[in-house]
N, C-alpha and C. Protein backbone atom coordinates (compact mmCIF):
# COMPACT_ATOMS: atom_id res chain seq x y z
N MET A 1 -36.06 31.02 -14.38
CA MET A 1 -35.65 29.65 -14.69
C MET A 1 -34.54 29.24 -13.72
N THR A 2 -34.72 28.11 -13.08
CA THR A 2 -33.76 27.62 -12.09
C THR A 2 -32.86 26.57 -12.72
N ILE A 3 -31.58 26.77 -12.58
CA ILE A 3 -30.60 25.82 -13.12
C ILE A 3 -30.07 24.99 -11.97
N TYR A 4 -30.24 23.69 -12.04
CA TYR A 4 -29.76 22.79 -10.99
C TYR A 4 -28.34 22.35 -11.31
N ILE A 5 -27.47 22.51 -10.34
CA ILE A 5 -26.08 22.08 -10.49
C ILE A 5 -25.83 20.93 -9.54
N ASP A 6 -25.42 19.82 -10.07
CA ASP A 6 -25.11 18.66 -9.24
C ASP A 6 -23.93 19.00 -8.35
N PRO A 7 -24.11 18.96 -7.03
CA PRO A 7 -23.00 19.31 -6.13
C PRO A 7 -21.79 18.41 -6.30
N SER A 8 -22.02 17.18 -6.79
CA SER A 8 -20.89 16.27 -6.96
C SER A 8 -19.91 16.79 -7.99
N GLU A 9 -20.42 17.54 -8.97
CA GLU A 9 -19.56 18.03 -10.03
C GLU A 9 -18.60 19.12 -9.52
N THR A 10 -18.97 19.77 -8.44
CA THR A 10 -18.10 20.80 -7.89
C THR A 10 -17.23 20.27 -6.77
N SER A 11 -17.63 19.17 -6.16
CA SER A 11 -16.87 18.65 -5.02
C SER A 11 -15.92 17.52 -5.39
N PHE A 12 -16.25 16.78 -6.45
CA PHE A 12 -15.39 15.67 -6.85
C PHE A 12 -14.37 16.15 -7.87
N LYS A 13 -13.10 15.93 -7.54
CA LYS A 13 -12.03 16.25 -8.47
C LYS A 13 -11.04 15.10 -8.45
N ALA A 14 -10.89 14.46 -9.57
CA ALA A 14 -9.97 13.33 -9.66
C ALA A 14 -9.10 13.52 -10.88
N GLY A 15 -8.08 12.70 -11.01
CA GLY A 15 -7.17 12.84 -12.12
C GLY A 15 -6.48 14.19 -12.05
N TYR A 16 -6.56 14.95 -13.11
CA TYR A 16 -5.93 16.27 -13.14
C TYR A 16 -6.94 17.35 -12.77
N GLY A 17 -7.77 17.08 -11.76
CA GLY A 17 -8.70 18.09 -11.29
C GLY A 17 -9.97 18.17 -12.12
N THR A 18 -10.27 17.14 -12.88
CA THR A 18 -11.45 17.17 -13.75
C THR A 18 -12.44 16.11 -13.31
N TYR A 19 -13.69 16.52 -13.09
CA TYR A 19 -14.74 15.57 -12.73
C TYR A 19 -15.36 15.01 -13.99
N ARG A 20 -15.51 13.69 -14.05
CA ARG A 20 -16.14 13.05 -15.20
C ARG A 20 -17.16 12.05 -14.70
N GLN A 21 -18.40 12.22 -15.16
CA GLN A 21 -19.46 11.32 -14.70
C GLN A 21 -19.24 9.90 -15.19
N ASP A 22 -18.53 9.73 -16.31
CA ASP A 22 -18.29 8.39 -16.83
C ASP A 22 -16.99 7.81 -16.29
N HIS A 23 -16.32 8.53 -15.38
CA HIS A 23 -15.04 8.07 -14.84
C HIS A 23 -15.28 7.36 -13.52
N THR A 24 -16.16 6.36 -13.53
CA THR A 24 -16.52 5.68 -12.30
C THR A 24 -16.08 4.23 -12.25
N GLY A 25 -15.54 3.71 -13.34
CA GLY A 25 -15.05 2.34 -13.34
C GLY A 25 -13.84 2.18 -12.44
N LEU A 26 -13.64 0.97 -11.94
CA LEU A 26 -12.57 0.74 -10.98
C LEU A 26 -11.20 1.02 -11.59
N ILE A 27 -10.97 0.58 -12.82
CA ILE A 27 -9.68 0.82 -13.47
C ILE A 27 -9.45 2.31 -13.67
N ALA A 28 -10.48 3.02 -14.09
CA ALA A 28 -10.34 4.46 -14.30
C ALA A 28 -10.04 5.17 -12.99
N ARG A 29 -10.67 4.72 -11.92
CA ARG A 29 -10.44 5.37 -10.63
C ARG A 29 -9.04 5.06 -10.09
N ILE A 30 -8.52 3.87 -10.41
CA ILE A 30 -7.15 3.55 -10.00
C ILE A 30 -6.16 4.46 -10.73
N THR A 31 -6.35 4.64 -12.03
CA THR A 31 -5.46 5.52 -12.78
C THR A 31 -5.59 6.96 -12.30
N ASP A 32 -6.80 7.36 -11.91
CA ASP A 32 -6.98 8.69 -11.32
C ASP A 32 -6.15 8.83 -10.05
N ALA A 33 -6.14 7.77 -9.24
CA ALA A 33 -5.38 7.80 -7.99
C ALA A 33 -3.88 7.87 -8.27
N TRP A 34 -3.43 7.19 -9.31
CA TRP A 34 -2.01 7.26 -9.66
C TRP A 34 -1.63 8.67 -10.10
N LYS A 35 -2.56 9.37 -10.75
CA LYS A 35 -2.29 10.74 -11.20
C LYS A 35 -2.39 11.74 -10.06
N ASP A 36 -3.38 11.57 -9.21
CA ASP A 36 -3.64 12.55 -8.14
C ASP A 36 -4.31 11.83 -6.97
N MET A 37 -3.50 11.24 -6.11
CA MET A 37 -4.02 10.46 -4.99
C MET A 37 -4.82 11.31 -4.00
N PRO A 38 -4.37 12.51 -3.61
CA PRO A 38 -5.18 13.31 -2.68
C PRO A 38 -6.59 13.61 -3.20
N ALA A 39 -6.68 14.01 -4.48
CA ALA A 39 -7.99 14.31 -5.04
C ALA A 39 -8.85 13.06 -5.14
N SER A 40 -8.25 11.94 -5.49
CA SER A 40 -8.99 10.69 -5.59
C SER A 40 -9.53 10.27 -4.23
N THR A 41 -8.72 10.48 -3.18
CA THR A 41 -9.17 10.15 -1.83
C THR A 41 -10.32 11.03 -1.40
N ARG A 42 -10.24 12.32 -1.69
CA ARG A 42 -11.34 13.23 -1.33
C ARG A 42 -12.62 12.83 -2.04
N ARG A 43 -12.50 12.40 -3.26
CA ARG A 43 -13.69 11.96 -4.00
C ARG A 43 -14.31 10.75 -3.32
N LEU A 44 -13.48 9.80 -2.92
CA LEU A 44 -13.98 8.60 -2.25
C LEU A 44 -14.68 8.96 -0.94
N ILE A 45 -14.08 9.84 -0.16
CA ILE A 45 -14.67 10.23 1.12
C ILE A 45 -16.00 10.95 0.92
N GLU A 46 -16.08 11.80 -0.13
CA GLU A 46 -17.32 12.51 -0.42
C GLU A 46 -18.46 11.55 -0.74
N GLU A 47 -18.13 10.38 -1.23
CA GLU A 47 -19.14 9.39 -1.58
C GLU A 47 -19.65 8.63 -0.35
N ARG A 48 -19.03 8.88 0.81
CA ARG A 48 -19.41 8.23 2.06
C ARG A 48 -19.49 6.71 1.89
N PRO A 49 -18.36 6.10 1.61
CA PRO A 49 -18.35 4.64 1.37
C PRO A 49 -18.70 3.86 2.62
N SER A 50 -19.34 2.73 2.43
CA SER A 50 -19.67 1.86 3.55
C SER A 50 -18.41 1.15 4.03
N GLU A 51 -18.48 0.61 5.24
CA GLU A 51 -17.34 -0.13 5.78
C GLU A 51 -17.06 -1.37 4.94
N ALA A 52 -18.13 -1.95 4.38
CA ALA A 52 -17.96 -3.13 3.53
C ALA A 52 -17.17 -2.79 2.27
N ARG A 53 -17.42 -1.61 1.72
CA ARG A 53 -16.68 -1.20 0.53
C ARG A 53 -15.21 -0.97 0.85
N LEU A 54 -14.93 -0.37 1.98
CA LEU A 54 -13.54 -0.16 2.38
C LEU A 54 -12.83 -1.49 2.64
N LEU A 55 -13.54 -2.42 3.28
CA LEU A 55 -12.97 -3.74 3.52
C LEU A 55 -12.70 -4.45 2.21
N PHE A 56 -13.55 -4.23 1.22
CA PHE A 56 -13.38 -4.82 -0.10
C PHE A 56 -12.04 -4.40 -0.70
N PHE A 57 -11.68 -3.12 -0.53
CA PHE A 57 -10.39 -2.65 -1.04
C PHE A 57 -9.23 -3.37 -0.36
N VAL A 58 -9.35 -3.56 0.96
CA VAL A 58 -8.27 -4.24 1.69
C VAL A 58 -8.15 -5.69 1.25
N LEU A 59 -9.28 -6.37 1.11
CA LEU A 59 -9.24 -7.78 0.73
C LEU A 59 -8.67 -7.95 -0.67
N LEU A 60 -9.00 -7.04 -1.58
CA LEU A 60 -8.42 -7.12 -2.92
C LEU A 60 -6.91 -6.91 -2.87
N SER A 61 -6.48 -5.96 -2.05
CA SER A 61 -5.03 -5.74 -1.91
C SER A 61 -4.38 -6.95 -1.26
N ASP A 62 -5.10 -7.64 -0.36
CA ASP A 62 -4.58 -8.87 0.25
C ASP A 62 -4.36 -9.95 -0.81
N LEU A 63 -5.32 -10.06 -1.73
CA LEU A 63 -5.18 -11.07 -2.78
C LEU A 63 -3.98 -10.79 -3.67
N ILE A 64 -3.77 -9.52 -4.00
CA ILE A 64 -2.62 -9.16 -4.82
C ILE A 64 -1.33 -9.39 -4.05
N PHE A 65 -1.35 -9.07 -2.75
CA PHE A 65 -0.20 -9.33 -1.90
C PHE A 65 0.11 -10.83 -1.87
N PHE A 66 -0.94 -11.65 -1.75
CA PHE A 66 -0.79 -13.11 -1.76
C PHE A 66 -0.12 -13.57 -3.05
N LEU A 67 -0.57 -13.01 -4.17
CA LEU A 67 -0.02 -13.39 -5.47
C LEU A 67 1.45 -13.00 -5.58
N SER A 68 1.76 -11.75 -5.21
CA SER A 68 3.14 -11.29 -5.32
C SER A 68 4.06 -12.04 -4.37
N PHE A 69 3.57 -12.32 -3.15
CA PHE A 69 4.37 -13.04 -2.18
C PHE A 69 4.63 -14.47 -2.64
N SER A 70 3.62 -15.07 -3.26
CA SER A 70 3.77 -16.44 -3.77
C SER A 70 4.82 -16.49 -4.87
N VAL A 71 4.79 -15.52 -5.75
CA VAL A 71 5.76 -15.48 -6.85
C VAL A 71 7.17 -15.31 -6.30
N LYS A 72 7.34 -14.41 -5.32
CA LYS A 72 8.67 -14.10 -4.80
C LYS A 72 9.26 -15.22 -3.94
N THR A 73 8.40 -15.99 -3.27
CA THR A 73 8.93 -16.96 -2.30
C THR A 73 8.65 -18.42 -2.64
N VAL A 74 7.75 -18.67 -3.58
CA VAL A 74 7.40 -20.04 -3.90
C VAL A 74 7.71 -20.39 -5.35
N VAL A 75 7.27 -19.55 -6.29
CA VAL A 75 7.44 -19.88 -7.70
C VAL A 75 8.91 -19.83 -8.08
N THR A 76 9.56 -18.69 -7.85
CA THR A 76 10.99 -18.55 -8.15
C THR A 76 11.65 -17.79 -7.02
N PRO A 77 11.92 -18.44 -5.90
CA PRO A 77 12.47 -17.72 -4.76
C PRO A 77 13.95 -17.38 -4.93
N THR A 78 14.35 -16.25 -4.35
CA THR A 78 15.77 -15.94 -4.29
C THR A 78 16.41 -16.85 -3.26
N ALA A 79 17.72 -16.90 -3.24
CA ALA A 79 18.42 -17.76 -2.28
C ALA A 79 18.10 -17.37 -0.85
N MET A 80 18.00 -16.07 -0.60
CA MET A 80 17.68 -15.61 0.75
C MET A 80 16.28 -16.04 1.16
N ALA A 81 15.31 -15.86 0.25
CA ALA A 81 13.93 -16.24 0.57
C ALA A 81 13.81 -17.74 0.76
N GLU A 82 14.52 -18.51 -0.07
CA GLU A 82 14.44 -19.97 0.00
C GLU A 82 14.96 -20.49 1.33
N SER A 83 16.01 -19.87 1.86
CA SER A 83 16.57 -20.32 3.13
C SER A 83 15.71 -19.94 4.31
N ALA A 84 14.87 -18.92 4.14
CA ALA A 84 14.06 -18.43 5.26
C ALA A 84 12.65 -19.01 5.26
N LEU A 85 12.27 -19.76 4.22
CA LEU A 85 10.91 -20.27 4.13
C LEU A 85 10.65 -21.37 5.16
N PRO A 86 9.49 -21.33 5.83
CA PRO A 86 9.13 -22.42 6.73
C PRO A 86 8.65 -23.61 5.94
N ASN A 87 8.41 -24.72 6.64
CA ASN A 87 7.98 -25.93 5.96
C ASN A 87 6.57 -25.80 5.39
N ASP A 88 5.65 -25.23 6.18
CA ASP A 88 4.27 -25.11 5.75
C ASP A 88 4.03 -23.73 5.16
N VAL A 89 4.31 -23.58 3.86
CA VAL A 89 4.18 -22.29 3.21
C VAL A 89 2.72 -21.87 3.11
N ALA A 90 1.83 -22.83 2.82
CA ALA A 90 0.41 -22.51 2.67
C ALA A 90 -0.15 -21.91 3.95
N LEU A 91 0.20 -22.49 5.09
CA LEU A 91 -0.27 -21.96 6.36
C LEU A 91 0.27 -20.55 6.60
N LEU A 92 1.53 -20.34 6.23
CA LEU A 92 2.13 -19.02 6.39
C LEU A 92 1.39 -17.97 5.59
N LEU A 93 1.02 -18.30 4.36
CA LEU A 93 0.33 -17.34 3.50
C LEU A 93 -1.07 -17.03 4.02
N VAL A 94 -1.78 -18.04 4.49
CA VAL A 94 -3.11 -17.81 5.03
C VAL A 94 -3.05 -16.91 6.27
N VAL A 95 -2.11 -17.21 7.15
CA VAL A 95 -1.95 -16.39 8.35
C VAL A 95 -1.54 -14.97 7.97
N ALA A 96 -0.65 -14.87 6.97
CA ALA A 96 -0.19 -13.55 6.54
C ALA A 96 -1.36 -12.69 6.06
N LEU A 97 -2.29 -13.31 5.32
CA LEU A 97 -3.43 -12.55 4.83
C LEU A 97 -4.30 -12.07 5.99
N MET A 98 -4.54 -12.94 6.96
CA MET A 98 -5.37 -12.56 8.09
C MET A 98 -4.70 -11.48 8.93
N VAL A 99 -3.40 -11.65 9.17
CA VAL A 99 -2.67 -10.67 9.98
C VAL A 99 -2.54 -9.35 9.24
N ARG A 100 -2.38 -9.42 7.93
CA ARG A 100 -2.23 -8.18 7.15
C ARG A 100 -3.48 -7.32 7.24
N THR A 101 -4.65 -7.94 7.12
CA THR A 101 -5.89 -7.18 7.21
C THR A 101 -6.03 -6.53 8.58
N ALA A 102 -5.79 -7.30 9.62
CA ALA A 102 -5.89 -6.75 10.98
C ALA A 102 -4.84 -5.67 11.21
N SER A 103 -3.65 -5.85 10.64
CA SER A 103 -2.59 -4.87 10.82
C SER A 103 -2.93 -3.55 10.14
N ILE A 104 -3.56 -3.62 8.97
CA ILE A 104 -3.93 -2.39 8.27
C ILE A 104 -5.00 -1.64 9.05
N TYR A 105 -5.93 -2.37 9.65
CA TYR A 105 -6.94 -1.73 10.50
C TYR A 105 -6.27 -1.04 11.68
N ALA A 106 -5.35 -1.75 12.34
CA ALA A 106 -4.67 -1.18 13.50
C ALA A 106 -3.81 0.01 13.09
N PHE A 107 -3.13 -0.11 11.96
CA PHE A 107 -2.28 0.97 11.48
C PHE A 107 -3.09 2.23 11.18
N SER A 108 -4.23 2.06 10.52
CA SER A 108 -5.07 3.22 10.19
C SER A 108 -5.62 3.88 11.46
N PHE A 109 -5.93 3.08 12.47
CA PHE A 109 -6.43 3.63 13.73
C PHE A 109 -5.35 4.48 14.41
N ILE A 110 -4.15 3.93 14.52
CA ILE A 110 -3.04 4.66 15.16
C ILE A 110 -2.68 5.90 14.35
N LEU A 111 -2.62 5.75 13.03
CA LEU A 111 -2.27 6.88 12.17
C LEU A 111 -3.32 7.98 12.27
N GLY A 112 -4.59 7.59 12.36
CA GLY A 112 -5.65 8.59 12.50
C GLY A 112 -5.50 9.40 13.78
N LEU A 113 -5.17 8.73 14.87
CA LEU A 113 -4.98 9.43 16.14
C LEU A 113 -3.78 10.39 16.06
N ILE A 114 -2.71 9.94 15.42
CA ILE A 114 -1.52 10.79 15.29
C ILE A 114 -1.82 12.03 14.45
N LEU A 115 -2.50 11.83 13.32
CA LEU A 115 -2.82 12.96 12.46
C LEU A 115 -3.77 13.93 13.14
N ARG A 116 -4.71 13.40 13.93
CA ARG A 116 -5.60 14.28 14.70
C ARG A 116 -4.80 15.10 15.71
N ALA A 117 -3.79 14.48 16.31
CA ALA A 117 -2.96 15.19 17.28
C ALA A 117 -2.17 16.32 16.63
N PHE A 118 -1.87 16.19 15.34
CA PHE A 118 -1.14 17.23 14.62
C PHE A 118 -2.06 18.20 13.89
N GLY A 119 -3.34 18.19 14.23
CA GLY A 119 -4.27 19.16 13.64
C GLY A 119 -5.14 18.63 12.53
N GLY A 120 -5.11 17.32 12.29
CA GLY A 120 -5.96 16.75 11.25
C GLY A 120 -7.43 16.88 11.57
N THR A 121 -8.25 16.98 10.55
CA THR A 121 -9.69 17.19 10.74
C THR A 121 -10.53 15.98 10.34
N GLY A 122 -9.92 14.93 9.86
CA GLY A 122 -10.67 13.76 9.41
C GLY A 122 -11.08 12.86 10.56
N THR A 123 -12.08 12.04 10.31
CA THR A 123 -12.51 11.04 11.28
C THR A 123 -11.68 9.78 11.10
N LEU A 124 -11.87 8.85 12.02
CA LEU A 124 -11.17 7.57 11.89
C LEU A 124 -11.61 6.83 10.63
N LYS A 125 -12.88 6.98 10.26
CA LYS A 125 -13.34 6.33 9.03
C LYS A 125 -12.72 7.00 7.82
N ASP A 126 -12.56 8.32 7.86
CA ASP A 126 -11.87 9.01 6.76
C ASP A 126 -10.44 8.49 6.62
N THR A 127 -9.79 8.26 7.78
CA THR A 127 -8.43 7.72 7.75
C THR A 127 -8.42 6.34 7.11
N ARG A 128 -9.39 5.50 7.50
CA ARG A 128 -9.46 4.17 6.90
C ARG A 128 -9.66 4.26 5.40
N ALA A 129 -10.49 5.21 4.96
CA ALA A 129 -10.71 5.37 3.52
C ALA A 129 -9.40 5.69 2.81
N GLY A 130 -8.62 6.61 3.37
CA GLY A 130 -7.36 6.98 2.74
C GLY A 130 -6.35 5.85 2.76
N VAL A 131 -6.24 5.16 3.90
CA VAL A 131 -5.26 4.08 4.03
C VAL A 131 -5.68 2.86 3.20
N PHE A 132 -6.94 2.48 3.27
CA PHE A 132 -7.40 1.30 2.54
C PHE A 132 -7.33 1.53 1.03
N TRP A 133 -7.73 2.73 0.60
CA TRP A 133 -7.67 3.04 -0.83
C TRP A 133 -6.21 3.08 -1.29
N GLY A 134 -5.35 3.66 -0.47
CA GLY A 134 -3.93 3.67 -0.80
C GLY A 134 -3.34 2.27 -0.88
N SER A 135 -3.77 1.39 0.03
CA SER A 135 -3.28 0.00 0.01
C SER A 135 -3.68 -0.69 -1.28
N PHE A 136 -4.88 -0.39 -1.74
CA PHE A 136 -5.38 -1.06 -2.95
C PHE A 136 -4.70 -0.53 -4.21
N VAL A 137 -4.62 0.80 -4.36
CA VAL A 137 -4.08 1.35 -5.62
C VAL A 137 -2.57 1.13 -5.72
N SER A 138 -1.91 0.87 -4.59
CA SER A 138 -0.47 0.59 -4.64
C SER A 138 -0.17 -0.88 -4.86
N ALA A 139 -1.18 -1.74 -4.75
CA ALA A 139 -0.96 -3.19 -4.85
C ALA A 139 -0.35 -3.63 -6.18
N PRO A 140 -0.74 -3.04 -7.32
CA PRO A 140 -0.11 -3.49 -8.58
C PRO A 140 1.41 -3.33 -8.60
N PHE A 141 1.92 -2.38 -7.83
CA PHE A 141 3.36 -2.19 -7.80
C PHE A 141 4.05 -3.35 -7.07
N GLU A 142 3.31 -4.05 -6.22
CA GLU A 142 3.85 -5.24 -5.57
C GLU A 142 4.08 -6.34 -6.60
N ILE A 143 3.19 -6.41 -7.59
CA ILE A 143 3.38 -7.39 -8.66
C ILE A 143 4.65 -7.07 -9.46
N LEU A 144 4.85 -5.79 -9.75
CA LEU A 144 6.06 -5.40 -10.47
C LEU A 144 7.31 -5.74 -9.65
N ALA A 145 7.23 -5.53 -8.34
CA ALA A 145 8.36 -5.89 -7.47
C ALA A 145 8.59 -7.39 -7.49
N ALA A 146 7.51 -8.18 -7.56
CA ALA A 146 7.65 -9.63 -7.62
C ALA A 146 8.31 -10.06 -8.92
N VAL A 147 7.95 -9.40 -10.01
CA VAL A 147 8.59 -9.70 -11.30
C VAL A 147 10.08 -9.40 -11.24
N LEU A 148 10.43 -8.30 -10.58
CA LEU A 148 11.85 -7.97 -10.41
C LEU A 148 12.56 -9.03 -9.58
N ALA A 149 11.89 -9.51 -8.52
CA ALA A 149 12.48 -10.55 -7.67
C ALA A 149 12.72 -11.83 -8.47
N VAL A 150 11.77 -12.18 -9.33
CA VAL A 150 11.92 -13.37 -10.18
C VAL A 150 13.10 -13.19 -11.12
N SER A 151 13.24 -11.98 -11.67
CA SER A 151 14.36 -11.71 -12.58
C SER A 151 15.70 -11.85 -11.87
N LEU A 152 15.77 -11.34 -10.63
CA LEU A 152 17.00 -11.48 -9.86
C LEU A 152 17.31 -12.94 -9.55
N ALA A 153 16.27 -13.70 -9.20
CA ALA A 153 16.46 -15.11 -8.88
C ALA A 153 16.97 -15.89 -10.08
N SER A 154 16.49 -15.55 -11.27
CA SER A 154 16.91 -16.27 -12.48
C SER A 154 18.35 -15.96 -12.86
N LEU A 155 18.87 -14.86 -12.34
CA LEU A 155 20.24 -14.46 -12.68
C LEU A 155 21.25 -14.82 -11.60
N GLU A 156 20.79 -15.39 -10.48
CA GLU A 156 21.71 -15.69 -9.38
C GLU A 156 22.77 -16.72 -9.78
N GLY A 157 22.43 -17.63 -10.69
CA GLY A 157 23.39 -18.63 -11.13
C GLY A 157 24.56 -18.03 -11.90
N PHE A 158 24.26 -16.93 -12.62
CA PHE A 158 25.30 -16.27 -13.41
C PHE A 158 25.98 -15.15 -12.63
N MET A 159 25.26 -14.53 -11.72
CA MET A 159 25.80 -13.43 -10.92
C MET A 159 25.55 -13.74 -9.45
N PRO A 160 26.42 -14.45 -8.79
CA PRO A 160 26.21 -14.87 -7.39
C PRO A 160 25.98 -13.71 -6.42
N PHE A 161 26.49 -12.53 -6.74
CA PHE A 161 26.33 -11.41 -5.81
C PHE A 161 24.85 -10.99 -5.66
N LEU A 162 24.01 -11.41 -6.60
CA LEU A 162 22.58 -11.08 -6.51
C LEU A 162 21.90 -11.82 -5.37
N SER A 163 22.54 -12.85 -4.81
CA SER A 163 21.94 -13.59 -3.71
C SER A 163 22.21 -12.94 -2.36
N GLY A 164 22.97 -11.85 -2.35
CA GLY A 164 23.24 -11.14 -1.10
C GLY A 164 21.96 -10.56 -0.50
N GLU A 165 21.97 -10.40 0.83
CA GLU A 165 20.76 -9.96 1.51
C GLU A 165 20.31 -8.57 1.05
N MET A 166 21.24 -7.63 0.91
CA MET A 166 20.86 -6.28 0.53
C MET A 166 20.26 -6.25 -0.87
N ILE A 167 20.84 -7.04 -1.78
CA ILE A 167 20.29 -7.09 -3.15
C ILE A 167 18.94 -7.77 -3.15
N SER A 168 18.80 -8.83 -2.35
CA SER A 168 17.53 -9.56 -2.31
C SER A 168 16.42 -8.72 -1.70
N LEU A 169 16.78 -7.77 -0.85
CA LEU A 169 15.78 -6.91 -0.22
C LEU A 169 15.31 -5.77 -1.14
N THR A 170 16.01 -5.54 -2.23
CA THR A 170 15.65 -4.45 -3.13
C THR A 170 14.23 -4.56 -3.67
N PRO A 171 13.79 -5.74 -4.17
CA PRO A 171 12.40 -5.84 -4.63
C PRO A 171 11.39 -5.58 -3.51
N LEU A 172 11.72 -6.02 -2.29
CA LEU A 172 10.82 -5.78 -1.16
C LEU A 172 10.66 -4.28 -0.92
N TRP A 173 11.76 -3.56 -0.95
CA TRP A 173 11.70 -2.12 -0.72
C TRP A 173 10.97 -1.42 -1.85
N LEU A 174 11.23 -1.83 -3.09
CA LEU A 174 10.57 -1.22 -4.24
C LEU A 174 9.06 -1.48 -4.23
N GLY A 175 8.65 -2.61 -3.64
CA GLY A 175 7.22 -2.87 -3.52
C GLY A 175 6.60 -2.13 -2.36
N LEU A 176 7.40 -1.84 -1.32
CA LEU A 176 6.89 -1.15 -0.14
C LEU A 176 6.81 0.35 -0.34
N LEU A 177 7.72 0.91 -1.13
CA LEU A 177 7.79 2.36 -1.31
C LEU A 177 6.50 2.94 -1.90
N PRO A 178 5.93 2.36 -2.97
CA PRO A 178 4.65 2.89 -3.47
C PRO A 178 3.54 2.81 -2.43
N TYR A 179 3.54 1.74 -1.62
CA TYR A 179 2.53 1.61 -0.57
C TYR A 179 2.62 2.80 0.39
N ILE A 180 3.83 3.12 0.84
CA ILE A 180 4.01 4.24 1.76
C ILE A 180 3.58 5.54 1.10
N TRP A 181 3.92 5.70 -0.18
CA TRP A 181 3.61 6.92 -0.92
C TRP A 181 2.10 7.15 -0.99
N PHE A 182 1.36 6.15 -1.47
CA PHE A 182 -0.08 6.32 -1.67
C PHE A 182 -0.84 6.38 -0.34
N VAL A 183 -0.42 5.59 0.63
CA VAL A 183 -1.07 5.64 1.94
C VAL A 183 -0.85 6.99 2.60
N SER A 184 0.35 7.53 2.50
CA SER A 184 0.64 8.83 3.07
C SER A 184 -0.21 9.92 2.41
N ALA A 185 -0.31 9.87 1.09
CA ALA A 185 -1.11 10.85 0.37
C ALA A 185 -2.59 10.72 0.71
N GLY A 186 -3.07 9.48 0.82
CA GLY A 186 -4.48 9.28 1.14
C GLY A 186 -4.84 9.70 2.54
N ALA A 187 -4.01 9.33 3.51
CA ALA A 187 -4.30 9.64 4.91
C ALA A 187 -4.24 11.14 5.18
N THR A 188 -3.23 11.81 4.65
CA THR A 188 -3.11 13.25 4.89
C THR A 188 -4.23 14.01 4.19
N SER A 189 -4.61 13.55 3.00
CA SER A 189 -5.73 14.20 2.31
C SER A 189 -7.03 14.02 3.09
N ALA A 190 -7.21 12.86 3.70
CA ALA A 190 -8.41 12.61 4.49
C ALA A 190 -8.49 13.54 5.69
N HIS A 191 -7.35 14.05 6.15
CA HIS A 191 -7.33 14.93 7.31
C HIS A 191 -7.12 16.39 6.94
N GLY A 192 -7.19 16.69 5.66
CA GLY A 192 -7.14 18.08 5.24
C GLY A 192 -5.76 18.70 5.13
N PHE A 193 -4.70 17.90 5.21
CA PHE A 193 -3.36 18.44 5.06
C PHE A 193 -3.05 18.66 3.57
N LYS A 194 -2.33 19.74 3.27
CA LYS A 194 -1.98 20.04 1.90
C LYS A 194 -0.74 19.29 1.43
N ARG A 195 0.11 18.92 2.37
CA ARG A 195 1.35 18.21 2.01
C ARG A 195 1.40 16.86 2.72
N PHE A 196 1.86 15.87 1.98
CA PHE A 196 1.97 14.54 2.58
C PHE A 196 3.41 14.07 2.69
N TYR A 197 4.35 14.89 2.22
CA TYR A 197 5.75 14.48 2.24
C TYR A 197 6.31 14.26 3.64
N PRO A 198 5.94 15.07 4.65
CA PRO A 198 6.45 14.78 6.00
C PRO A 198 6.05 13.39 6.50
N LEU A 199 4.80 13.00 6.26
CA LEU A 199 4.36 11.68 6.68
C LEU A 199 5.06 10.60 5.88
N PHE A 200 5.22 10.83 4.59
CA PHE A 200 5.91 9.87 3.73
C PHE A 200 7.35 9.66 4.22
N ALA A 201 8.04 10.76 4.57
CA ALA A 201 9.42 10.66 5.04
C ALA A 201 9.48 9.93 6.37
N ALA A 202 8.53 10.22 7.27
CA ALA A 202 8.53 9.58 8.59
C ALA A 202 8.29 8.08 8.47
N LEU A 203 7.30 7.68 7.65
CA LEU A 203 7.01 6.26 7.49
C LEU A 203 8.15 5.54 6.78
N SER A 204 8.78 6.20 5.82
CA SER A 204 9.92 5.59 5.12
C SER A 204 11.06 5.34 6.09
N LEU A 205 11.31 6.32 6.96
CA LEU A 205 12.38 6.17 7.95
C LEU A 205 12.09 5.02 8.90
N LEU A 206 10.84 4.92 9.34
CA LEU A 206 10.46 3.82 10.23
C LEU A 206 10.67 2.47 9.55
N CYS A 207 10.32 2.39 8.27
CA CYS A 207 10.49 1.13 7.53
C CYS A 207 11.97 0.77 7.37
N ILE A 208 12.81 1.77 7.12
CA ILE A 208 14.25 1.51 6.98
C ILE A 208 14.82 1.00 8.30
N VAL A 209 14.45 1.68 9.40
CA VAL A 209 14.91 1.24 10.71
C VAL A 209 14.44 -0.18 11.01
N GLY A 210 13.16 -0.45 10.71
CA GLY A 210 12.63 -1.79 10.95
C GLY A 210 13.31 -2.85 10.11
N MET A 211 13.65 -2.50 8.87
CA MET A 211 14.30 -3.46 7.99
C MET A 211 15.69 -3.83 8.50
N PHE A 212 16.46 -2.80 8.89
CA PHE A 212 17.81 -3.08 9.40
C PHE A 212 17.76 -3.77 10.77
N TRP A 213 16.74 -3.48 11.56
CA TRP A 213 16.58 -4.16 12.84
C TRP A 213 16.29 -5.64 12.62
N ALA A 214 15.45 -5.94 11.62
CA ALA A 214 15.14 -7.32 11.30
C ALA A 214 16.39 -8.06 10.81
N LEU A 215 17.20 -7.38 10.00
CA LEU A 215 18.45 -8.00 9.53
C LEU A 215 19.40 -8.27 10.70
N TYR A 216 19.43 -7.35 11.65
CA TYR A 216 20.28 -7.53 12.81
C TYR A 216 19.83 -8.73 13.65
N LEU A 217 18.52 -8.83 13.87
CA LEU A 217 17.98 -9.94 14.63
C LEU A 217 18.22 -11.27 13.92
N ARG A 218 18.09 -11.25 12.58
CA ARG A 218 18.31 -12.49 11.82
C ARG A 218 19.78 -12.90 11.87
N ALA A 219 20.68 -11.91 11.80
CA ALA A 219 22.11 -12.22 11.84
C ALA A 219 22.52 -12.79 13.19
N ASN A 220 21.78 -12.45 14.24
CA ASN A 220 22.09 -12.95 15.57
C ASN A 220 21.25 -14.17 15.96
N GLY A 221 20.53 -14.72 14.97
CA GLY A 221 19.76 -15.93 15.20
C GLY A 221 18.50 -15.78 16.00
N VAL A 222 18.03 -14.53 16.17
CA VAL A 222 16.80 -14.30 16.93
C VAL A 222 15.59 -14.68 16.12
N ILE A 223 15.61 -14.38 14.82
CA ILE A 223 14.50 -14.72 13.93
C ILE A 223 15.03 -15.53 12.75
């Protein structure tokens, strides 16, 4: 008697290392990624997703980014955001969505080459799967950051110090940190690395340097 074992049951591990045939809904897979991003990424790669499916993840994250950005800068902007807003906000948001998608593609390409140079075994498409999936599952945290920004804006009248640049940047950083975390875990898992903390630390450092550089340029009237 021959017993057939579905290879997916041995290769797919999500959540706490448990494969579930009924754990295929989008919400369930997002929670799996929050519990164990490397395993969730490996499961996605094993499914050999089409480029259209990966693009779908990016576009959904773009929509959530659009929503969170609108809340932070249009619905209830902080004093810093209000002073920096251009006249045509709608055009800015449309361009931001287009540039964000292209930037994520470029970022995943460069990151894939870097990880390959350090011994990674994944393909560029595997890298896109990890980065795009990480961008999507981290998007809800951008909404939470937007809610925090709204809370700070509502308190600026009572606590003027909340309008300071460093305080106003806190929601931005809190929304960016989960993105770096999940993208780092997804990309390194796609390339077979067991640890993603070095990449997470490197990307976090780059973001901190970029943030302070932007503040410096703004203080000198460059931007």
